[in-house]
C-alpha atoms as a PDB file:
ATOM      1  CA  MET A   1     103.651 110.778  65.259  1.00  0.00           C
ATOM      2  CA  SER A   2     103.346 107.810  67.624  1.00  0.00           C
ATOM      3  CA  PHE A   3      99.991 106.848  69.119  1.00  0.00           C
ATOM      4  CA  MET A   4      99.091 104.076  71.509  1.00  0.00           C
ATOM      5  CA  THR A   5      98.549 100.696  69.908  1.00  0.00           C
ATOM      6  CA  GLN A   6      95.483  98.630  70.696  1.00  0.00           C
ATOM      7  CA  ASP A   7      97.582  96.371  72.980  1.00  0.00           C
ATOM      8  CA  GLN A   8      98.992  99.385  74.835  1.00  0.00           C
ATOM      9  CA  PHE A   9      95.493 100.819  75.223  1.00  0.00           C
ATOM     10  CA  ALA A  10      94.174  97.486  76.562  1.00  0.00           C
ATOM     11  CA  ALA A  11      97.139  97.198  78.961  1.00  0.00           C
ATOM     12  CA  ALA A  12      96.515 100.730  80.236  1.00  0.00           C
ATOM     13  CA  GLY A  13      92.823  99.935  80.767  1.00  0.00           C
ATOM     14  CA  LYS A  14      93.718  96.745  82.637  1.00  0.00           C
ATOM     15  CA  ALA A  15      96.223  98.631  84.817  1.00  0.00           C
ATOM     16  CA  ASN A  16      93.622 101.287  85.619  1.00  0.00           C
ATOM     17  CA  LEU A  17      91.091  98.589  86.528  1.00  0.00           C
ATOM     18  CA  GLU A  18      93.624  96.895  88.823  1.00  0.00           C
ATOM     19  CA  THR A  19      94.350 100.248  90.460  1.00  0.00           C
ATOM     20  CA  LEU A  20      90.634 100.818  91.015  1.00  0.00           C
ATOM     21  CA  PHE A  21      90.221  97.392  92.605  1.00  0.00           C
ATOM     22  CA  GLY A  22      93.299  97.982  94.749  1.00  0.00           C
ATOM     23  CA  LEU A  23      91.992 101.327  95.984  1.00  0.00           C
ATOM     24  CA  THR A  24      88.554  99.830  96.647  1.00  0.00           C
ATOM     25  CA  SER A  25      90.172  97.052  98.649  1.00  0.00           C
ATOM     26  CA  LYS A  26      92.139  99.590 100.707  1.00  0.00           C
ATOM     27  CA  ALA A  27      88.967 101.600 101.311  1.00  0.00           C
ATOM     28  CA  PHE A  28      87.208  98.481 102.613  1.00  0.00           C
ATOM     29  CA  GLU A  29      90.174  97.714 104.868  1.00  0.00           C
ATOM     30  CA  GLY A  30      89.838 101.200 106.360  1.00  0.00           C
ATOM     31  CA  VAL A  31      86.097 100.716 106.894  1.00  0.00           C
ATOM     32  CA  GLU A  32      86.733  97.314 108.500  1.00  0.00           C
ATOM     33  CA  LYS A  33      89.240  98.868 110.892  1.00  0.00           C
ATOM     34  CA  LEU A  34      86.795 101.639 111.749  1.00  0.00           C
ATOM     35  CA  VAL A  35      83.949  99.170 112.397  1.00  0.00           C
ATOM     36  CA  GLU A  36      86.261  97.012 114.517  1.00  0.00           C
ATOM     37  CA  LEU A  37      87.353 100.036 116.549  1.00  0.00           C
ATOM     38  CA  ASN A  38      83.760 101.168 117.092  1.00  0.00           C
ATOM     39  CA  LEU A  39      82.697  97.666 118.159  1.00  0.00           C
ATOM     40  CA  GLN A  40      85.558  97.523 120.668  1.00  0.00           C
ATOM     41  CA  VAL A  41      84.600 100.943 122.027  1.00  0.00           C
ATOM     42  CA  ALA A  42      80.917 100.000 122.261  1.00  0.00           C
ATOM     43  CA  LYS A  43      81.711  96.741 124.069  1.00  0.00           C
ATOM     44  CA  ALA A  44      84.082  98.465 126.501  1.00  0.00           C
ATOM     45  CA  THR A  45      81.603 101.305 127.086  1.00  0.00           C
ATOM     46  CA  MET A  46      78.805  98.849 127.909  1.00  0.00           C
ATOM     47  CA  GLY A  47      81.016  97.034 130.420  1.00  0.00           C
ATOM     48  CA  GLU A  48      82.171 100.290 131.993  1.00  0.00           C
ATOM     49  CA  ALA A  49      78.613 101.610 132.192  1.00  0.00           C
ATOM     50  CA  ALA A  50      77.571  98.493 134.093  1.00  0.00           C
ATOM     51  CA  ASP A  51      80.555  98.800 136.444  1.00  0.00           C
ATOM     52  CA  ASN A  52      79.892 102.510 136.983  1.00  0.00           C
ATOM     53  CA  ALA A  53      76.203 101.867 137.705  1.00  0.00           C
ATOM     54  CA  ARG A  54      77.126  99.207 140.268  1.00  0.00           C
ATOM     55  CA  ALA A  55      79.633 101.565 141.873  1.00  0.00           C
ATOM     56  CA  ALA A  56      77.101 104.418 141.963  1.00  0.00           C
ATOM     57  CA  LEU A  57      74.521 102.166 143.608  1.00  0.00           C
ATOM     58  CA  ALA A  58      77.069 101.202 146.261  1.00  0.00           C
ATOM     59  CA  VAL A  59      77.777 104.836 147.239  1.00  0.00           C
ATOM     60  CA  LYS A  60      76.849 105.551 150.855  1.00  0.00           C
ATOM     61  CA  ASP A  61      77.387 109.299 151.112  1.00  0.00           C
ATOM     62  CA  LEU A  62      78.096 112.475 149.153  1.00  0.00           C
ATOM     63  CA  GLN A  63      81.855 112.278 149.682  1.00  0.00           C
ATOM     64  CA  GLU A  64      81.994 108.791 148.123  1.00  0.00           C
ATOM     65  CA  LEU A  65      79.900 110.060 145.207  1.00  0.00           C
ATOM     66  CA  LEU A  66      82.346 112.953 144.602  1.00  0.00           C
ATOM     67  CA  ALA A  67      85.294 110.557 144.782  1.00  0.00           C
ATOM     68  CA  LEU A  68      83.606 108.207 142.316  1.00  0.00           C
ATOM     69  CA  GLN A  69      82.871 111.080 139.941  1.00  0.00           C
ATOM     70  CA  THR A  70      86.498 112.226 140.131  1.00  0.00           C
ATOM     71  CA  ASN A  71      87.773 108.729 139.421  1.00  0.00           C
ATOM     72  CA  LEU A  72      85.532 108.483 136.342  1.00  0.00           C
ATOM     73  CA  LEU A  73      86.523 111.863 134.902  1.00  0.00           C
ATOM     74  CA  GLN A  74      90.176 111.249 134.050  1.00  0.00           C
ATOM     75  CA  PRO A  75      89.912 107.888 132.267  1.00  0.00           C
ATOM     76  CA  SER A  76      87.067 109.221 130.116  1.00  0.00           C
ATOM     77  CA  ALA A  77      89.177 112.060 128.728  1.00  0.00           C
ATOM     78  CA  GLU A  78      92.070 109.682 128.097  1.00  0.00           C
ATOM     79  CA  LYS A  79      89.760 107.228 126.323  1.00  0.00           C
ATOM     80  CA  VAL A  80      88.350 109.966 124.096  1.00  0.00           C
ATOM     81  CA  ALA A  81      91.902 111.023 123.233  1.00  0.00           C
ATOM     82  CA  ALA A  82      92.907 107.411 122.485  1.00  0.00           C
ATOM     83  CA  TYR A  83      89.792 106.896 120.332  1.00  0.00           C
ATOM     84  CA  SER A  84      90.549 110.094 118.413  1.00  0.00           C
ATOM     85  CA  ARG A  85      94.120 108.918 117.896  1.00  0.00           C
ATOM     86  CA  HIS A  86      92.917 105.561 116.523  1.00  0.00           C
ATOM     87  CA  LEU A  87      90.530 107.335 114.143  1.00  0.00           C
ATOM     88  CA  TYR A  88      93.316 109.628 112.995  1.00  0.00           C
ATOM     89  CA  ASP A  89      95.680 106.670 112.454  1.00  0.00           C
ATOM     90  CA  ILE A  90      93.084 104.804 110.364  1.00  0.00           C
ATOM     91  CA  ALA A  91      92.409 107.883 108.222  1.00  0.00           C
ATOM     92  CA  THR A  92      96.120 108.625 107.826  1.00  0.00           C
ATOM     93  CA  ALA A  93      96.915 105.058 106.759  1.00  0.00           C
ATOM     94  CA  ALA A  94      94.091 105.050 104.203  1.00  0.00           C
ATOM     95  CA  ASN A  95      95.194 108.435 102.862  1.00  0.00           C
ATOM     96  CA  ALA A  96      98.802 107.251 102.581  1.00  0.00           C
ATOM     97  CA  GLU A  97      97.741 104.240 100.507  1.00  0.00           C
ATOM     98  CA  VAL A  98      95.638 106.354  98.165  1.00  0.00           C
ATOM     99  CA  SER A  99      98.419 108.941  97.833  1.00  0.00           C
ATOM    100  CA  LYS A 100     101.033 106.271  97.090  1.00  0.00           C
ATOM    101  CA  THR A 101      98.854 104.702  94.398  1.00  0.00           C
ATOM    102  CA  THR A 102      97.917 108.067  92.913  1.00  0.00           C
ATOM    103  CA  GLU A 103     101.529 109.247  92.809  1.00  0.00           C
ATOM    104  CA  GLY A 104     102.564 106.032  91.047  1.00  0.00           C
ATOM    105  CA  GLN A 105      99.801 106.421  88.486  1.00  0.00           C
ATOM    106  CA  LEU A 106     100.683 110.070  87.951  1.00  0.00           C
ATOM    107  CA  ALA A 107     104.364 109.237  87.441  1.00  0.00           C
ATOM    108  CA  ASP A 108     103.417 106.612  84.829  1.00  0.00           C
ATOM    109  CA  LEU A 109     101.076 109.079  83.134  1.00  0.00           C
ATOM    110  CA  GLN A 110     103.775 111.775  83.049  1.00  0.00           C
ATOM    111  CA  LYS A 111     106.273 109.314  81.580  1.00  0.00           C
ATOM    112  CA  THR A 112     103.800 108.255  78.876  1.00  0.00           C
ATOM    113  CA  TYR A 113     102.900 111.868  78.110  1.00  0.00           C
ATOM    114  CA  MET A 114     106.565 112.863  77.857  1.00  0.00           C
ATOM    115  CA  GLY A 115     107.088 109.919  75.471  1.00  0.00           C
ATOM    116  CA  VAL A 116     104.290 111.240  73.268  1.00  0.00           C
ATOM    117  CA  VAL A 117     105.731 114.783  73.450  1.00  0.00           C
ATOM    118  CA  ASP A 118     109.238 113.501  72.577  1.00  0.00           C
ATOM    119  CA  ALA A 119     107.852 111.504  69.640  1.00  0.00           C
ATOM    120  CA  ALA A 120     105.961 114.582  68.443  1.00  0.00           C
ATOM    121  CA  VAL A 121     109.121 116.690  68.743  1.00  0.00           C
ATOM    122  CA  LYS A 122     111.155 114.176  66.718  1.00  0.00           C
ATOM    123  CA  ASN A 123     108.516 114.095  63.979  1.00  0.00           C
ATOM    124  CA  ALA A 124     107.829 117.832  64.007  1.00  0.00           C
ATOM    125  CA  PRO A 125     108.370 119.657  60.740  1.00  0.00           C
ATOM    126  CA  ALA A 126     111.394 121.855  60.328  1.00  0.00           C
ATOM    127  CA  GLY A 127     110.986 125.338  61.790  1.00  0.00           C
ATOM    128  CA  SER A 128     108.723 124.252  64.671  1.00  0.00           C
ATOM    129  CA  GLU A 129     111.526 124.142  67.237  1.00  0.00           C
ATOM    130  CA  ASN A 130     110.096 127.146  69.116  1.00  0.00           C
ATOM    131  CA  VAL A 131     106.694 125.510  69.504  1.00  0.00           C
ATOM    132  CA  THR A 132     108.146 122.179  70.638  1.00  0.00           C
ATOM    133  CA  SER A 133     110.418 123.991  73.089  1.00  0.00           C
ATOM    134  CA  LEU A 134     107.401 125.861  74.452  1.00  0.00           C
ATOM    135  CA  VAL A 135     105.454 122.596  74.878  1.00  0.00           C
ATOM    136  CA  LYS A 136     108.354 120.974  76.748  1.00  0.00           C
ATOM    137  CA  SER A 137     108.713 124.050  78.966  1.00  0.00           C
ATOM    138  CA  ALA A 138     105.004 124.001  79.753  1.00  0.00           C
ATOM    139  CA  VAL A 139     105.145 120.304  80.670  1.00  0.00           C
ATOM    140  CA  ASN A 140     108.191 120.859  82.886  1.00  0.00           C
ATOM    141  CA  ALA A 141     106.506 123.842  84.563  1.00  0.00           C
ATOM    142  CA  ALA A 142     103.389 121.766  85.241  1.00  0.00           C
ATOM    143  CA  ASN A 143     105.505 118.972  86.730  1.00  0.00           C
ATOM    144  CA  ASN A 144     107.363 121.447  88.944  1.00  0.00           C
ATOM    145  CA  ALA A 145     104.101 123.035  90.067  1.00  0.00           C
ATOM    146  CA  TYR A 146     102.688 119.600  90.958  1.00  0.00           C
ATOM    147  CA  GLU A 147     105.793 118.728  92.966  1.00  0.00           C
ATOM    148  CA  SER A 148     105.580 122.047  94.836  1.00  0.00           C
ATOM    149  CA  VAL A 149     101.918 121.469  95.680  1.00  0.00           C
ATOM    150  CA  ALA A 150     102.661 117.897  96.793  1.00  0.00           C
ATOM    151  CA  LYS A 151     105.460 119.124  99.086  1.00  0.00           C
ATOM    152  CA  ALA A 152     103.225 121.837 100.550  1.00  0.00           C
ATOM    153  CA  ALA A 153     100.427 119.299 101.144  1.00  0.00           C
ATOM    154  CA  LYS A 154     102.854 116.950 102.918  1.00  0.00           C
ATOM    155  CA  GLN A 155     104.125 119.798 105.107  1.00  0.00           C
ATOM    156  CA  ALA A 156     100.544 120.787 105.953  1.00  0.00           C
ATOM    157  CA  ALA A 157      99.693 117.177 106.838  1.00  0.00           C
ATOM    158  CA  ASP A 158     102.793 116.923 109.050  1.00  0.00           C
ATOM    159  CA  MET A 159     101.873 120.173 110.781  1.00  0.00           C
ATOM    160  CA  ALA A 160      98.274 119.014 111.293  1.00  0.00           C
ATOM    161  CA  GLU A 161      99.518 115.780 112.850  1.00  0.00           C
ATOM    162  CA  ALA A 162     101.847 117.679 115.196  1.00  0.00           C
ATOM    163  CA  ASN A 163      98.975 119.993 116.200  1.00  0.00           C
ATOM    164  CA  PHE A 164      96.669 117.013 116.731  1.00  0.00           C
ATOM    165  CA  ASN A 165      99.238 115.359 118.989  1.00  0.00           C
ATOM    166  CA  ALA A 166      99.754 118.578 120.962  1.00  0.00           C
ATOM    167  CA  VAL A 167      96.014 119.154 121.458  1.00  0.00           C
ATOM    168  CA  THR A 168      95.469 115.535 122.511  1.00  0.00           C
ATOM    169  CA  SER A 169      98.323 115.712 124.996  1.00  0.00           C
ATOM    170  CA  THR A 170      97.067 119.027 126.396  1.00  0.00           C
ATOM    171  CA  ALA A 171      93.525 117.678 126.798  1.00  0.00           C
ATOM    172  CA  VAL A 172      94.727 114.593 128.661  1.00  0.00           C
ATOM    173  CA  LYS A 173      96.955 116.691 130.928  1.00  0.00           C
ATOM    174  CA  ALA A 174      94.090 119.103 131.622  1.00  0.00           C
ATOM    175  CA  SER A 175      91.788 116.229 132.593  1.00  0.00           C
ATOM    176  CA  GLN A 176      94.477 114.790 134.882  1.00  0.00           C
ATOM    177  CA  THR A 177      94.924 118.176 136.542  1.00  0.00           C
ATOM    178  CA  ALA A 178      91.162 118.595 136.963  1.00  0.00           C
ATOM    179  CA  ALA A 179      90.879 115.111 138.458  1.00  0.00           C
ATOM    180  CA  LYS A 180      93.670 115.800 140.937  1.00  0.00           C
ATOM    181  CA  ALA A 181      92.073 119.104 141.925  1.00  0.00           C
ATOM    182  CA  ALA A 182      88.702 117.419 142.401  1.00  0.00           C
ATOM    183  CA  LYS A 183      90.295 114.707 144.574  1.00  0.00           C
ATOM    184  CA  ARG A 184      91.873 117.362 146.780  1.00  0.00           C
ATOM    185  CA  ALA A 185      88.563 119.175 147.062  1.00  0.00           C
ATOM    186  CA  ALA A 186      86.760 115.980 148.025  1.00  0.00           C
END
């Protein structure tokens, strides 16, 4: 039976460490993007709050106040939708990186495991063909089950993204309709 040599074991440990550092780096990139986005939003919000306060102080009558309120309503909904989209994009990109790395590691692990199984089958004593066949079948079934779950997860993620886009679009359209109705009423 063939086992991993000390060099192979050290190489596997080094590869796992590199993967960990790579994933940690990607996680920090995602956090950096999130912090950058939040700083941009905070800066823009402060500027808009100052502008809105100035505009509110300049209002002379109720009709101007209603018009100002209407003009502020629509961009706010669109900004919330854009912010949500940016958050979703950051999370999706980070998830894609982790998934890609994990899938690569899993493929390498499966290949190594199948090498060990093949070596065990070659060195198996006579009369153990049924057991080795059962082991290979179990490994193939596990691989097929993993692939099915991975496909289902991808389909669910695609569906969630489509639903997210539809809800965002509907919310923006609803705010535009409400703003138009409020303008007509004013």
